[in-house]
Structures are given as structure tokens and as C-alpha cells.
């Protein structure tokens, strides 16, 4: 049986809680409480628990929102008559959704969501990415051996750069997206100018060692 629609005030409180949760997850990751979310939303804790039994239900609801957003971005890319522009737009926009938002990746990859949700993501997104790749191949602008799973791993790799460098060089991920895009093109044209400079060796060393503890001296 379908659930009855929420009253206007209840629906508004739910949206406030989801917006607050999205902000907190973006700022702090998923290590916040439902009480924290209620406080940020400006609603009582009791109200929060009437809308969501626990934080996991909030994560589920945000997962649904984000999945719909990614699907919409992919569909818009498919509607672009220029297959290359559509493909690039999909990658740029889906990556930009993660820019400044460390909670988004954690939500989409949260192991507590279970296999059903992982399968839902695959079933919704994979056919759209396949269509993006096949259309670009038909127009002769990407490698014939490019697979839709390659787009997934490109996103994973560039997302890792984003997570590591967002505080020091928030636009650096665009450099590596450019490298990947040049690598999948079929026309063999001149390299695309880099949108950002590379980090120095010292900057990379600082990033790679920032979580290491200095040895204690006796």
C-alpha cells in the first residue's frame, strides 16, 4: 500500500532536515548525529525522529535524491546532439556534484545501503553511460574499445584527486579529467591545454604525509 502524502508542514520539515543533512555531510562527512541534523535544520529533535527513525534513513533518502540527480545529468547529456560535448558534460557535472562535498561520495558508497541499492544504482546508471559511450563511438570521436565501465573508473580516480586536494588545490581534479579525456579521444589531435598547474613535489609530499604522526622523541 502506498504511503499517504505528508502534510505540508511535515513535508517542509523533511526537506529542511535533508537539506541540513546534506550540508553537514558535505562539511564533516557522515560522522554526525540526527540531533546535529535537527539543530542545523532548526527543528526539534522530536520532529526529526518523527520524519526519520535514525541517521541511516536520512542517508537512504539522500541516496535516492542523488541517484535521481545523476540520472537527470546523464539524460541531459544524452539529449545533447553533440556526443562528445554530452559525454564531457556528464563527467564534469557528475564530478562537480562531488566538489566541496565529501559526504556525497560516502553516501553513494555507504556499505550500509546494501546490495539492493548498489544494484539499483547499476541498473539506473549503467545503461545511460553505455548509451553515452556508444553514441560517441558512432560519431567516431572516442576510442572504439572504450567501455562504459571506463567512465566509472575515470570518475573514481578523479574523485580520489578531489578528496585529497580539495583544501589545497580545489580545481586540480580538472587537470586529471583533461588527461583522461584526451586519452579516450579517437581523433589523435593536439593535447588539450591544461586548465590548472600541477602541484610541486613538496606540495604532493605534504598531502601524502598530512595524516602521518611524527615519531615521538624520548
N, C-alpha and C. Protein backbone atom coordinates (compact mmCIF):
# COMPACT_ATOMS: atom_id res chain seq x y z
N UNK A 1 0.84 -1.20 0.00
CA UNK A 1 0.00 0.00 0.00
C UNK A 1 0.88 1.25 0.00
N UNK A 2 0.57 2.18 -0.87
CA UNK A 2 1.36 3.41 -0.96
C UNK A 2 1.15 4.26 0.29
N UNK A 3 2.22 4.93 0.72
CA UNK A 3 2.13 5.79 1.88
C UNK A 3 1.34 7.04 1.54
N UNK A 4 0.56 7.49 2.53
CA UNK A 4 -0.19 8.73 2.34
C UNK A 4 0.78 9.89 2.24
N UNK A 5 0.49 10.90 1.42
CA UNK A 5 1.40 12.05 1.31
C UNK A 5 1.48 12.80 2.63
N UNK A 6 2.66 13.36 2.90
CA UNK A 6 2.85 14.12 4.13
C UNK A 6 2.08 15.43 4.09
N UNK A 7 1.66 15.88 5.28
CA UNK A 7 1.09 17.22 5.37
C UNK A 7 2.14 18.23 4.94
N UNK A 8 1.67 19.42 4.56
CA UNK A 8 2.58 20.44 4.04
C UNK A 8 3.68 20.76 5.04
N UNK A 9 3.33 20.93 6.33
CA UNK A 9 4.35 21.27 7.32
C UNK A 9 5.30 20.11 7.55
N UNK A 10 4.78 18.89 7.55
CA UNK A 10 5.64 17.72 7.73
C UNK A 10 6.59 17.55 6.55
N UNK A 11 6.07 17.77 5.34
CA UNK A 11 6.91 17.67 4.14
C UNK A 11 8.01 18.74 4.17
N UNK A 12 7.65 19.94 4.63
CA UNK A 12 8.63 21.02 4.71
C UNK A 12 9.73 20.69 5.71
N UNK A 13 9.34 20.14 6.86
CA UNK A 13 10.34 19.75 7.86
C UNK A 13 11.26 18.66 7.32
N UNK A 14 10.69 17.74 6.56
CA UNK A 14 11.51 16.67 5.98
C UNK A 14 12.55 17.25 5.02
N UNK A 15 12.12 18.20 4.19
CA UNK A 15 13.05 18.81 3.25
C UNK A 15 14.11 19.63 3.98
N UNK A 16 13.72 20.29 5.07
CA UNK A 16 14.70 21.04 5.87
C UNK A 16 15.74 20.09 6.46
N UNK A 17 15.29 18.97 6.95
CA UNK A 17 16.22 18.00 7.55
C UNK A 17 17.16 17.43 6.50
N UNK A 18 16.65 17.13 5.32
CA UNK A 18 17.51 16.60 4.26
C UNK A 18 18.52 17.64 3.79
N UNK A 19 18.07 18.90 3.69
CA UNK A 19 18.99 19.97 3.28
C UNK A 19 20.08 20.16 4.33
N UNK A 20 19.70 20.12 5.60
CA UNK A 20 20.67 20.28 6.68
C UNK A 20 21.65 19.11 6.70
N UNK A 21 21.12 17.89 6.52
CA UNK A 21 21.98 16.72 6.50
C UNK A 21 22.98 16.79 5.35
N UNK A 22 22.50 17.24 4.19
CA UNK A 22 23.39 17.37 3.03
C UNK A 22 24.52 18.34 3.33
N UNK A 23 24.20 19.46 3.98
CA UNK A 23 25.23 20.44 4.34
C UNK A 23 26.23 19.86 5.32
N UNK A 24 25.74 19.20 6.36
CA UNK A 24 26.62 18.65 7.39
C UNK A 24 27.49 17.52 6.84
N UNK A 25 26.90 16.66 6.02
CA UNK A 25 27.69 15.58 5.43
C UNK A 25 28.76 16.14 4.52
N UNK A 26 28.44 17.22 3.79
CA UNK A 26 29.42 17.85 2.91
C UNK A 26 30.58 18.42 3.71
N UNK A 27 30.26 18.99 4.86
CA UNK A 27 31.29 19.65 5.68
C UNK A 27 32.09 18.65 6.51
N UNK A 28 31.41 17.64 7.06
CA UNK A 28 32.03 16.80 8.07
C UNK A 28 32.05 15.32 7.74
N UNK A 29 31.48 14.93 6.60
CA UNK A 29 31.33 13.51 6.34
C UNK A 29 30.10 12.98 7.08
N UNK A 30 30.00 11.67 7.15
CA UNK A 30 28.79 11.06 7.72
C UNK A 30 28.82 10.92 9.23
N UNK A 31 29.90 11.38 9.87
CA UNK A 31 30.02 11.23 11.32
C UNK A 31 29.31 12.34 12.07
N UNK A 32 28.04 12.53 11.77
CA UNK A 32 27.21 13.47 12.51
C UNK A 32 25.99 12.70 13.00
N UNK A 33 25.27 13.28 13.94
CA UNK A 33 24.12 12.60 14.52
C UNK A 33 22.82 13.21 13.99
N UNK A 34 21.73 12.51 14.21
CA UNK A 34 20.43 13.05 13.84
C UNK A 34 20.12 14.29 14.67
N UNK A 35 20.62 14.34 15.89
CA UNK A 35 20.47 15.55 16.71
C UNK A 35 21.17 16.73 16.05
N UNK A 36 22.39 16.50 15.54
CA UNK A 36 23.12 17.57 14.84
C UNK A 36 22.32 18.06 13.64
N UNK A 37 21.74 17.11 12.92
CA UNK A 37 20.96 17.47 11.73
C UNK A 37 19.75 18.30 12.12
N UNK A 38 19.06 17.90 13.19
CA UNK A 38 17.89 18.64 13.65
C UNK A 38 18.27 20.06 14.05
N UNK A 39 19.39 20.19 14.75
CA UNK A 39 19.84 21.52 15.19
C UNK A 39 20.15 22.40 13.98
N UNK A 40 20.85 21.86 12.97
CA UNK A 40 21.17 22.64 11.78
C UNK A 40 19.88 23.02 11.03
N UNK A 41 18.91 22.13 11.03
CA UNK A 41 17.66 22.39 10.30
C UNK A 41 16.74 23.36 11.04
N UNK A 42 17.02 23.58 12.33
CA UNK A 42 16.17 24.48 13.10
C UNK A 42 14.84 23.86 13.49
N UNK A 43 14.83 22.54 13.66
CA UNK A 43 13.61 21.85 14.10
C UNK A 43 13.93 21.07 15.37
N UNK A 44 12.89 20.71 16.10
CA UNK A 44 13.09 19.96 17.32
C UNK A 44 13.57 18.54 17.04
N UNK A 45 14.27 17.97 18.01
CA UNK A 45 14.77 16.61 17.85
C UNK A 45 13.61 15.63 17.68
N UNK A 46 12.51 15.87 18.43
CA UNK A 46 11.35 15.01 18.29
C UNK A 46 10.78 15.05 16.88
N UNK A 47 10.78 16.23 16.29
CA UNK A 47 10.31 16.36 14.90
C UNK A 47 11.20 15.57 13.96
N UNK A 48 12.51 15.63 14.19
CA UNK A 48 13.45 14.89 13.34
C UNK A 48 13.18 13.39 13.42
N UNK A 49 12.92 12.88 14.64
CA UNK A 49 12.70 11.46 14.80
C UNK A 49 11.33 11.01 14.29
N UNK A 50 10.40 11.94 14.15
CA UNK A 50 9.13 11.59 13.52
C UNK A 50 9.28 11.43 12.01
N UNK A 51 10.22 12.15 11.43
CA UNK A 51 10.44 12.06 9.98
C UNK A 51 11.40 10.93 9.63
N UNK A 52 12.41 10.72 10.49
CA UNK A 52 13.42 9.69 10.23
C UNK A 52 13.71 8.95 11.53
N UNK A 53 13.67 7.63 11.49
CA UNK A 53 13.91 6.84 12.70
C UNK A 53 15.36 6.95 13.17
N UNK A 54 16.27 7.15 12.23
CA UNK A 54 17.69 7.22 12.56
C UNK A 54 18.44 7.87 11.41
N UNK A 55 19.73 8.06 11.60
CA UNK A 55 20.55 8.71 10.57
C UNK A 55 20.61 7.88 9.29
N UNK A 56 20.54 6.55 9.43
CA UNK A 56 20.61 5.70 8.25
C UNK A 56 19.44 5.97 7.30
N UNK A 57 18.26 6.29 7.85
CA UNK A 57 17.13 6.62 6.99
C UNK A 57 17.36 7.94 6.26
N UNK A 58 18.06 8.86 6.90
CA UNK A 58 18.41 10.12 6.24
C UNK A 58 19.35 9.83 5.07
N UNK A 59 20.34 8.98 5.29
CA UNK A 59 21.30 8.63 4.24
C UNK A 59 20.57 7.95 3.08
N UNK A 60 19.62 7.07 3.39
CA UNK A 60 18.83 6.42 2.34
C UNK A 60 18.08 7.46 1.50
N UNK A 61 17.46 8.42 2.16
CA UNK A 61 16.69 9.44 1.44
C UNK A 61 17.60 10.30 0.57
N UNK A 62 18.77 10.66 1.09
CA UNK A 62 19.71 11.45 0.30
C UNK A 62 20.28 10.64 -0.86
N UNK A 63 20.48 9.35 -0.64
CA UNK A 63 20.92 8.47 -1.73
C UNK A 63 19.92 8.53 -2.88
N UNK A 64 18.63 8.44 -2.54
CA UNK A 64 17.59 8.50 -3.57
C UNK A 64 17.66 9.82 -4.33
N UNK A 65 17.84 10.92 -3.59
CA UNK A 65 17.93 12.23 -4.25
C UNK A 65 19.12 12.29 -5.19
N UNK A 66 20.27 11.87 -4.71
CA UNK A 66 21.50 11.97 -5.50
C UNK A 66 21.42 11.07 -6.73
N UNK A 67 20.83 9.89 -6.57
CA UNK A 67 20.70 8.99 -7.70
C UNK A 67 19.84 9.64 -8.79
N UNK A 68 18.76 10.27 -8.39
CA UNK A 68 17.89 10.94 -9.37
C UNK A 68 18.62 12.09 -10.05
N UNK A 69 19.49 12.80 -9.29
CA UNK A 69 20.25 13.91 -9.87
C UNK A 69 21.23 13.40 -10.92
N UNK A 70 21.92 12.30 -10.62
CA UNK A 70 22.88 11.73 -11.58
C UNK A 70 22.15 11.24 -12.82
N UNK A 71 21.01 10.59 -12.63
CA UNK A 71 20.22 10.13 -13.77
C UNK A 71 19.81 11.30 -14.65
N UNK A 72 19.38 12.39 -14.02
CA UNK A 72 18.96 13.57 -14.78
C UNK A 72 20.12 14.16 -15.57
N UNK A 73 21.32 14.21 -14.96
CA UNK A 73 22.51 14.73 -15.65
C UNK A 73 22.85 13.85 -16.85
N UNK A 74 22.79 12.53 -16.66
CA UNK A 74 23.09 11.61 -17.76
C UNK A 74 22.07 11.74 -18.88
N UNK A 75 20.81 11.90 -18.53
CA UNK A 75 19.77 12.02 -19.55
C UNK A 75 19.94 13.32 -20.34
N UNK A 76 20.28 14.40 -19.65
CA UNK A 76 20.54 15.67 -20.35
C UNK A 76 21.71 15.53 -21.31
N UNK A 77 22.74 14.79 -20.87
CA UNK A 77 23.90 14.57 -21.73
C UNK A 77 23.51 13.79 -22.98
N UNK A 78 22.62 12.83 -22.83
CA UNK A 78 22.17 12.05 -23.98
C UNK A 78 21.33 12.88 -24.94
N UNK A 79 20.66 13.89 -24.41
CA UNK A 79 19.83 14.74 -25.26
C UNK A 79 20.66 15.75 -26.07
N UNK A 80 21.95 15.87 -25.71
CA UNK A 80 22.83 16.78 -26.45
C UNK A 80 23.16 16.17 -27.81
N UNK A 81 22.90 16.86 -28.92
CA UNK A 81 23.19 16.27 -30.24
C UNK A 81 24.68 16.03 -30.48
N UNK A 82 25.54 16.76 -29.77
CA UNK A 82 26.99 16.58 -29.89
C UNK A 82 27.41 15.53 -28.86
N UNK A 83 27.72 14.33 -29.31
CA UNK A 83 28.00 13.22 -28.39
C UNK A 83 29.21 13.51 -27.50
N UNK A 84 30.25 14.12 -28.06
CA UNK A 84 31.44 14.42 -27.25
C UNK A 84 31.10 15.45 -26.17
N UNK A 85 30.40 16.50 -26.55
CA UNK A 85 30.03 17.52 -25.58
C UNK A 85 29.14 16.91 -24.49
N UNK A 86 28.22 16.03 -24.89
CA UNK A 86 27.37 15.39 -23.90
C UNK A 86 28.15 14.53 -22.93
N UNK A 87 29.11 13.76 -23.45
CA UNK A 87 29.92 12.89 -22.61
C UNK A 87 30.76 13.70 -21.63
N UNK A 88 31.41 14.75 -22.15
CA UNK A 88 32.23 15.60 -21.28
C UNK A 88 31.37 16.30 -20.24
N UNK A 89 30.21 16.77 -20.65
CA UNK A 89 29.31 17.45 -19.73
C UNK A 89 28.88 16.51 -18.61
N UNK A 90 28.58 15.26 -18.94
CA UNK A 90 28.19 14.29 -17.91
C UNK A 90 29.30 14.12 -16.89
N UNK A 91 30.54 13.90 -17.37
CA UNK A 91 31.65 13.70 -16.44
C UNK A 91 31.90 14.95 -15.60
N UNK A 92 31.89 16.11 -16.23
CA UNK A 92 32.16 17.35 -15.50
C UNK A 92 31.09 17.62 -14.45
N UNK A 93 29.83 17.48 -14.83
CA UNK A 93 28.75 17.79 -13.90
C UNK A 93 28.65 16.78 -12.77
N UNK A 94 28.84 15.49 -13.08
CA UNK A 94 28.76 14.50 -12.01
C UNK A 94 29.93 14.65 -11.05
N UNK A 95 31.10 15.04 -11.56
CA UNK A 95 32.23 15.29 -10.68
C UNK A 95 32.04 16.57 -9.89
N UNK A 96 31.46 17.59 -10.53
CA UNK A 96 31.22 18.85 -9.83
C UNK A 96 30.24 18.66 -8.68
N UNK A 97 29.34 17.70 -8.79
CA UNK A 97 28.42 17.42 -7.70
C UNK A 97 29.17 16.99 -6.44
N UNK A 98 30.37 16.42 -6.64
CA UNK A 98 31.18 15.99 -5.50
C UNK A 98 32.15 17.07 -5.03
N UNK A 99 32.29 18.13 -5.82
CA UNK A 99 33.24 19.19 -5.48
C UNK A 99 32.82 19.86 -4.18
N UNK A 100 33.72 19.90 -3.20
CA UNK A 100 33.40 20.52 -1.92
C UNK A 100 32.45 19.70 -1.08
N UNK A 101 32.14 18.44 -1.50
CA UNK A 101 31.14 17.65 -0.80
C UNK A 101 31.70 16.27 -0.52
N UNK A 102 32.41 16.12 0.58
CA UNK A 102 32.98 14.81 0.86
C UNK A 102 31.92 13.82 1.32
N UNK A 103 30.75 14.33 1.73
CA UNK A 103 29.69 13.44 2.15
C UNK A 103 29.03 12.72 0.99
N UNK A 104 29.03 13.35 -0.20
CA UNK A 104 28.32 12.75 -1.33
C UNK A 104 28.91 11.40 -1.71
N UNK A 105 30.23 11.33 -1.83
CA UNK A 105 30.86 10.06 -2.18
C UNK A 105 30.59 9.02 -1.11
N UNK A 106 30.63 9.44 0.16
CA UNK A 106 30.38 8.50 1.24
C UNK A 106 28.94 7.99 1.19
N UNK A 107 28.00 8.87 0.85
CA UNK A 107 26.60 8.45 0.74
C UNK A 107 26.45 7.42 -0.38
N UNK A 108 26.99 7.73 -1.55
CA UNK A 108 26.82 6.85 -2.71
C UNK A 108 27.55 5.52 -2.53
N UNK A 109 28.60 5.50 -1.68
CA UNK A 109 29.37 4.27 -1.48
C UNK A 109 29.18 3.67 -0.10
N UNK A 110 28.17 4.12 0.62
CA UNK A 110 27.96 3.67 2.00
C UNK A 110 27.66 2.17 2.02
N UNK A 111 28.49 1.36 2.71
CA UNK A 111 28.26 -0.09 2.71
C UNK A 111 26.96 -0.49 3.39
N UNK A 112 26.41 0.37 4.25
CA UNK A 112 25.17 0.04 4.94
C UNK A 112 23.95 0.08 4.01
N UNK A 113 24.12 0.64 2.81
CA UNK A 113 22.99 0.70 1.88
C UNK A 113 22.64 -0.68 1.32
N UNK A 114 23.58 -1.59 1.34
CA UNK A 114 23.27 -2.95 0.94
C UNK A 114 23.30 -3.18 -0.56
N UNK A 115 23.22 -4.48 -0.92
CA UNK A 115 23.35 -4.87 -2.32
C UNK A 115 22.19 -4.35 -3.17
N UNK A 116 20.99 -4.26 -2.58
CA UNK A 116 19.84 -3.82 -3.37
C UNK A 116 20.05 -2.42 -3.91
N UNK A 117 20.59 -1.54 -3.07
CA UNK A 117 20.82 -0.17 -3.51
C UNK A 117 21.97 -0.09 -4.50
N UNK A 118 23.01 -0.89 -4.30
CA UNK A 118 24.11 -0.94 -5.27
C UNK A 118 23.58 -1.39 -6.62
N UNK A 119 22.72 -2.42 -6.60
CA UNK A 119 22.14 -2.91 -7.84
C UNK A 119 21.24 -1.86 -8.49
N UNK A 120 20.53 -1.11 -7.67
CA UNK A 120 19.66 -0.05 -8.20
C UNK A 120 20.49 0.99 -8.94
N UNK A 121 21.61 1.37 -8.34
CA UNK A 121 22.50 2.34 -8.99
C UNK A 121 22.98 1.80 -10.33
N UNK A 122 23.43 0.54 -10.31
CA UNK A 122 23.91 -0.07 -11.56
C UNK A 122 22.81 -0.10 -12.62
N UNK A 123 21.63 -0.52 -12.21
CA UNK A 123 20.54 -0.68 -13.18
C UNK A 123 20.06 0.66 -13.75
N UNK A 124 20.18 1.73 -12.97
CA UNK A 124 19.73 3.04 -13.44
C UNK A 124 20.80 3.76 -14.26
N UNK A 125 22.05 3.68 -13.80
CA UNK A 125 23.12 4.49 -14.39
C UNK A 125 23.83 3.79 -15.55
N UNK A 126 24.11 2.49 -15.40
CA UNK A 126 24.92 1.79 -16.41
C UNK A 126 24.34 1.89 -17.82
N UNK A 127 23.03 1.69 -18.03
CA UNK A 127 22.52 1.80 -19.41
C UNK A 127 22.70 3.20 -20.00
N UNK A 128 22.59 4.23 -19.16
CA UNK A 128 22.76 5.59 -19.65
C UNK A 128 24.22 5.85 -20.04
N UNK A 129 25.15 5.36 -19.22
CA UNK A 129 26.57 5.53 -19.55
C UNK A 129 26.94 4.73 -20.79
N UNK A 130 26.35 3.54 -20.94
CA UNK A 130 26.58 2.75 -22.14
C UNK A 130 26.11 3.50 -23.38
N UNK A 131 24.94 4.11 -23.27
CA UNK A 131 24.40 4.87 -24.40
C UNK A 131 25.29 6.07 -24.74
N UNK A 132 25.83 6.73 -23.71
CA UNK A 132 26.73 7.86 -23.95
C UNK A 132 27.97 7.42 -24.71
N UNK A 133 28.55 6.29 -24.30
CA UNK A 133 29.76 5.79 -24.94
C UNK A 133 29.46 5.33 -26.37
N UNK A 134 28.41 4.55 -26.54
CA UNK A 134 28.11 4.02 -27.87
C UNK A 134 27.79 5.13 -28.86
N UNK A 135 27.09 6.16 -28.40
CA UNK A 135 26.76 7.27 -29.30
C UNK A 135 28.04 8.00 -29.72
N UNK A 136 28.96 8.20 -28.77
CA UNK A 136 30.22 8.86 -29.09
C UNK A 136 31.06 8.01 -30.05
N UNK A 137 30.99 6.70 -29.88
CA UNK A 137 31.72 5.81 -30.80
C UNK A 137 31.11 5.85 -32.19
N UNK A 138 29.80 5.92 -32.27
CA UNK A 138 29.13 6.00 -33.57
C UNK A 138 29.50 7.29 -34.30
N UNK A 139 29.75 8.34 -33.54
CA UNK A 139 30.16 9.61 -34.16
C UNK A 139 31.67 9.65 -34.40
N UNK A 140 32.38 8.58 -34.02
CA UNK A 140 33.80 8.47 -34.31
C UNK A 140 34.70 9.38 -33.49
N UNK A 141 34.27 9.76 -32.29
CA UNK A 141 35.07 10.72 -31.53
C UNK A 141 35.73 10.13 -30.29
N UNK A 142 35.40 8.88 -29.95
CA UNK A 142 36.09 8.23 -28.84
C UNK A 142 36.62 6.89 -29.32
N UNK A 143 37.56 6.34 -28.59
CA UNK A 143 38.16 5.05 -28.94
C UNK A 143 37.10 3.97 -29.09
N UNK A 144 37.30 3.09 -30.05
CA UNK A 144 36.35 2.01 -30.29
C UNK A 144 36.32 1.00 -29.15
N UNK A 145 37.41 0.95 -28.35
CA UNK A 145 37.46 -0.01 -27.25
C UNK A 145 37.07 0.60 -25.91
N UNK A 146 36.56 1.84 -25.92
CA UNK A 146 36.10 2.47 -24.68
C UNK A 146 34.84 1.76 -24.20
N UNK A 147 34.77 1.50 -22.90
CA UNK A 147 33.61 0.84 -22.30
C UNK A 147 32.97 1.76 -21.26
N UNK A 148 31.69 1.58 -21.01
CA UNK A 148 31.03 2.43 -20.02
C UNK A 148 31.66 2.26 -18.65
N UNK A 149 32.23 1.08 -18.35
CA UNK A 149 32.89 0.91 -17.06
C UNK A 149 34.14 1.77 -16.94
N UNK A 150 34.74 2.13 -18.08
CA UNK A 150 35.89 3.03 -18.04
C UNK A 150 35.48 4.39 -17.48
N UNK A 151 34.27 4.85 -17.82
CA UNK A 151 33.80 6.12 -17.27
C UNK A 151 33.68 6.04 -15.75
N UNK A 152 33.22 4.89 -15.27
CA UNK A 152 33.10 4.70 -13.82
C UNK A 152 34.45 4.83 -13.13
N UNK A 153 35.48 4.19 -13.70
CA UNK A 153 36.80 4.24 -13.07
C UNK A 153 37.46 5.60 -13.26
N UNK A 154 37.16 6.28 -14.36
CA UNK A 154 37.64 7.65 -14.50
C UNK A 154 37.08 8.52 -13.39
N UNK A 155 35.78 8.38 -13.13
CA UNK A 155 35.16 9.15 -12.07
C UNK A 155 35.76 8.80 -10.72
N UNK A 156 36.01 7.52 -10.46
CA UNK A 156 36.61 7.11 -9.19
C UNK A 156 38.00 7.73 -9.02
N UNK A 157 38.80 7.69 -10.08
CA UNK A 157 40.16 8.21 -10.00
C UNK A 157 40.17 9.71 -9.77
N UNK A 158 39.35 10.42 -10.53
CA UNK A 158 39.33 11.88 -10.39
C UNK A 158 38.71 12.27 -9.04
N UNK A 159 37.74 11.49 -8.57
CA UNK A 159 37.15 11.77 -7.25
C UNK A 159 38.19 11.63 -6.15
N UNK A 160 39.10 10.66 -6.30
CA UNK A 160 40.16 10.49 -5.31
C UNK A 160 41.08 11.72 -5.27
N UNK A 161 41.37 12.28 -6.45
CA UNK A 161 42.15 13.52 -6.50
C UNK A 161 41.40 14.65 -5.80
N UNK A 162 40.10 14.73 -6.08
CA UNK A 162 39.28 15.77 -5.46
C UNK A 162 39.33 15.68 -3.95
N UNK A 163 39.13 14.47 -3.42
CA UNK A 163 39.12 14.29 -1.97
C UNK A 163 40.45 14.64 -1.33
N UNK A 164 41.54 14.31 -2.02
CA UNK A 164 42.87 14.55 -1.45
C UNK A 164 43.27 16.01 -1.49
N UNK A 165 42.85 16.73 -2.53
CA UNK A 165 43.41 18.07 -2.78
C UNK A 165 42.41 19.21 -2.62
N UNK A 166 41.17 18.91 -2.18
CA UNK A 166 40.14 19.96 -2.18
C UNK A 166 40.52 21.17 -1.34
N UNK A 167 41.27 20.99 -0.25
CA UNK A 167 41.65 22.12 0.59
C UNK A 167 42.81 22.91 -0.01
N UNK A 168 43.77 22.22 -0.60
CA UNK A 168 44.96 22.88 -1.13
C UNK A 168 44.75 23.42 -2.54
N UNK A 169 44.16 22.61 -3.40
CA UNK A 169 44.01 22.99 -4.81
C UNK A 169 42.67 22.45 -5.31
N UNK A 170 41.57 23.13 -5.00
CA UNK A 170 40.24 22.59 -5.29
C UNK A 170 39.94 22.37 -6.77
N UNK A 171 40.67 23.02 -7.66
CA UNK A 171 40.43 22.83 -9.10
C UNK A 171 41.38 21.82 -9.74
N UNK A 172 42.24 21.20 -8.95
CA UNK A 172 43.25 20.32 -9.52
C UNK A 172 42.63 19.12 -10.24
N UNK A 173 41.47 18.66 -9.79
CA UNK A 173 40.86 17.50 -10.42
C UNK A 173 40.59 17.74 -11.90
N UNK A 174 40.40 19.01 -12.30
CA UNK A 174 40.15 19.31 -13.71
C UNK A 174 41.36 18.96 -14.58
N UNK A 175 42.55 19.07 -14.02
CA UNK A 175 43.77 18.72 -14.76
C UNK A 175 43.74 17.24 -15.13
N UNK A 176 43.36 16.40 -14.18
CA UNK A 176 43.39 14.96 -14.43
C UNK A 176 42.20 14.50 -15.25
N UNK A 177 41.08 15.20 -15.13
CA UNK A 177 39.97 14.92 -16.04
C UNK A 177 40.38 15.23 -17.47
N UNK A 178 41.11 16.32 -17.68
CA UNK A 178 41.58 16.67 -19.01
C UNK A 178 42.49 15.59 -19.58
N UNK A 179 43.39 15.05 -18.75
CA UNK A 179 44.28 13.98 -19.20
C UNK A 179 43.48 12.74 -19.62
N UNK A 180 42.50 12.38 -18.83
CA UNK A 180 41.68 11.23 -19.17
C UNK A 180 40.89 11.47 -20.45
N UNK A 181 40.32 12.66 -20.58
CA UNK A 181 39.52 12.95 -21.78
C UNK A 181 40.38 12.90 -23.02
N UNK A 182 41.58 13.44 -22.96
CA UNK A 182 42.49 13.34 -24.12
C UNK A 182 42.79 11.88 -24.44
N UNK A 183 42.86 11.05 -23.40
CA UNK A 183 43.20 9.64 -23.59
C UNK A 183 42.11 8.82 -24.25
N UNK A 184 40.84 9.25 -24.14
CA UNK A 184 39.76 8.45 -24.72
C UNK A 184 39.33 8.95 -26.10
N UNK A 185 39.89 10.09 -26.53
CA UNK A 185 39.52 10.62 -27.85
C UNK A 185 40.11 9.75 -28.96
N UNK A 186 39.40 9.71 -30.08
CA UNK A 186 39.85 8.89 -31.20
C UNK A 186 40.55 9.70 -32.28
N UNK A 187 40.46 11.03 -32.22
CA UNK A 187 40.96 11.82 -33.34
C UNK A 187 42.46 12.07 -33.30
N UNK A 188 43.09 11.81 -32.14
CA UNK A 188 44.54 11.99 -32.04
C UNK A 188 45.00 13.40 -32.28
N UNK A 189 44.16 14.38 -31.93
CA UNK A 189 44.52 15.78 -32.10
C UNK A 189 45.54 16.25 -31.09
N UNK A 190 45.90 17.53 -31.13
CA UNK A 190 46.88 18.06 -30.18
C UNK A 190 46.34 18.00 -28.76
N UNK A 191 47.22 17.91 -27.77
CA UNK A 191 46.77 17.84 -26.38
C UNK A 191 45.98 19.09 -25.99
N UNK A 192 44.97 18.88 -25.18
CA UNK A 192 44.18 19.99 -24.66
C UNK A 192 45.01 20.76 -23.65
N UNK A 193 45.04 22.09 -23.71
CA UNK A 193 45.78 22.86 -22.70
C UNK A 193 45.29 22.54 -21.30
N UNK A 194 46.22 22.41 -20.38
CA UNK A 194 45.87 22.08 -19.00
C UNK A 194 45.13 23.25 -18.34
N UNK A 195 44.02 22.98 -17.66
CA UNK A 195 43.28 24.07 -17.02
C UNK A 195 43.91 24.56 -15.73
N UNK A 196 44.78 23.76 -15.14
CA UNK A 196 45.44 24.14 -13.88
C UNK A 196 46.87 23.63 -13.90
N UNK A 197 47.71 24.26 -13.09
CA UNK A 197 49.10 23.82 -12.95
C UNK A 197 49.18 22.58 -12.08
N UNK A 198 50.22 21.79 -12.31
CA UNK A 198 50.48 20.63 -11.44
C UNK A 198 50.98 21.12 -10.09
N UNK A 199 50.79 20.30 -9.07
CA UNK A 199 51.36 20.61 -7.77
C UNK A 199 52.87 20.38 -7.80
N UNK A 200 53.57 21.06 -6.91
CA UNK A 200 55.01 20.84 -6.79
C UNK A 200 55.25 19.54 -6.03
N UNK A 201 56.48 19.05 -6.12
CA UNK A 201 56.83 17.83 -5.40
C UNK A 201 56.63 18.01 -3.90
N UNK A 202 56.96 19.19 -3.38
CA UNK A 202 56.79 19.45 -1.94
C UNK A 202 55.31 19.45 -1.55
N UNK A 203 54.46 20.01 -2.41
CA UNK A 203 53.03 20.02 -2.11
C UNK A 203 52.47 18.61 -2.10
N UNK A 204 52.88 17.79 -3.06
CA UNK A 204 52.41 16.41 -3.10
C UNK A 204 52.89 15.66 -1.86
N UNK A 205 54.15 15.87 -1.47
CA UNK A 205 54.68 15.21 -0.28
C UNK A 205 53.88 15.61 0.96
N UNK A 206 53.54 16.89 1.07
CA UNK A 206 52.77 17.37 2.22
C UNK A 206 51.39 16.72 2.26
N UNK A 207 50.76 16.58 1.09
CA UNK A 207 49.44 15.94 1.04
C UNK A 207 49.52 14.47 1.44
N UNK A 208 50.54 13.79 0.95
CA UNK A 208 50.64 12.36 1.19
C UNK A 208 51.03 12.02 2.62
N UNK A 209 51.60 12.99 3.33
CA UNK A 209 52.05 12.73 4.70
C UNK A 209 51.25 13.49 5.74
N UNK A 210 50.17 14.16 5.33
CA UNK A 210 49.45 15.03 6.26
C UNK A 210 48.79 14.28 7.41
N UNK A 211 48.48 12.99 7.21
CA UNK A 211 47.83 12.24 8.28
C UNK A 211 48.78 11.37 9.08
N UNK A 212 50.05 11.44 8.71
CA UNK A 212 51.04 10.67 9.45
C UNK A 212 51.45 11.42 10.72
N UNK A 213 51.66 10.67 11.77
CA UNK A 213 52.10 11.26 13.03
C UNK A 213 53.63 11.31 13.08
N UNK A 214 54.15 12.39 13.59
CA UNK A 214 55.60 12.48 13.76
C UNK A 214 56.02 11.53 14.87
N UNK A 215 57.18 10.90 14.73
CA UNK A 215 57.63 9.97 15.78
C UNK A 215 57.89 10.73 17.08
N UNK A 216 57.53 10.09 18.18
CA UNK A 216 57.76 10.70 19.49
C UNK A 216 59.22 10.58 19.89
N UNK A 217 59.72 11.65 20.44
CA UNK A 217 61.12 11.64 20.90
C UNK A 217 61.14 11.39 22.40
N UNK A 218 61.99 10.51 22.81
CA UNK A 218 62.08 10.21 24.25
C UNK A 218 62.85 11.29 24.97
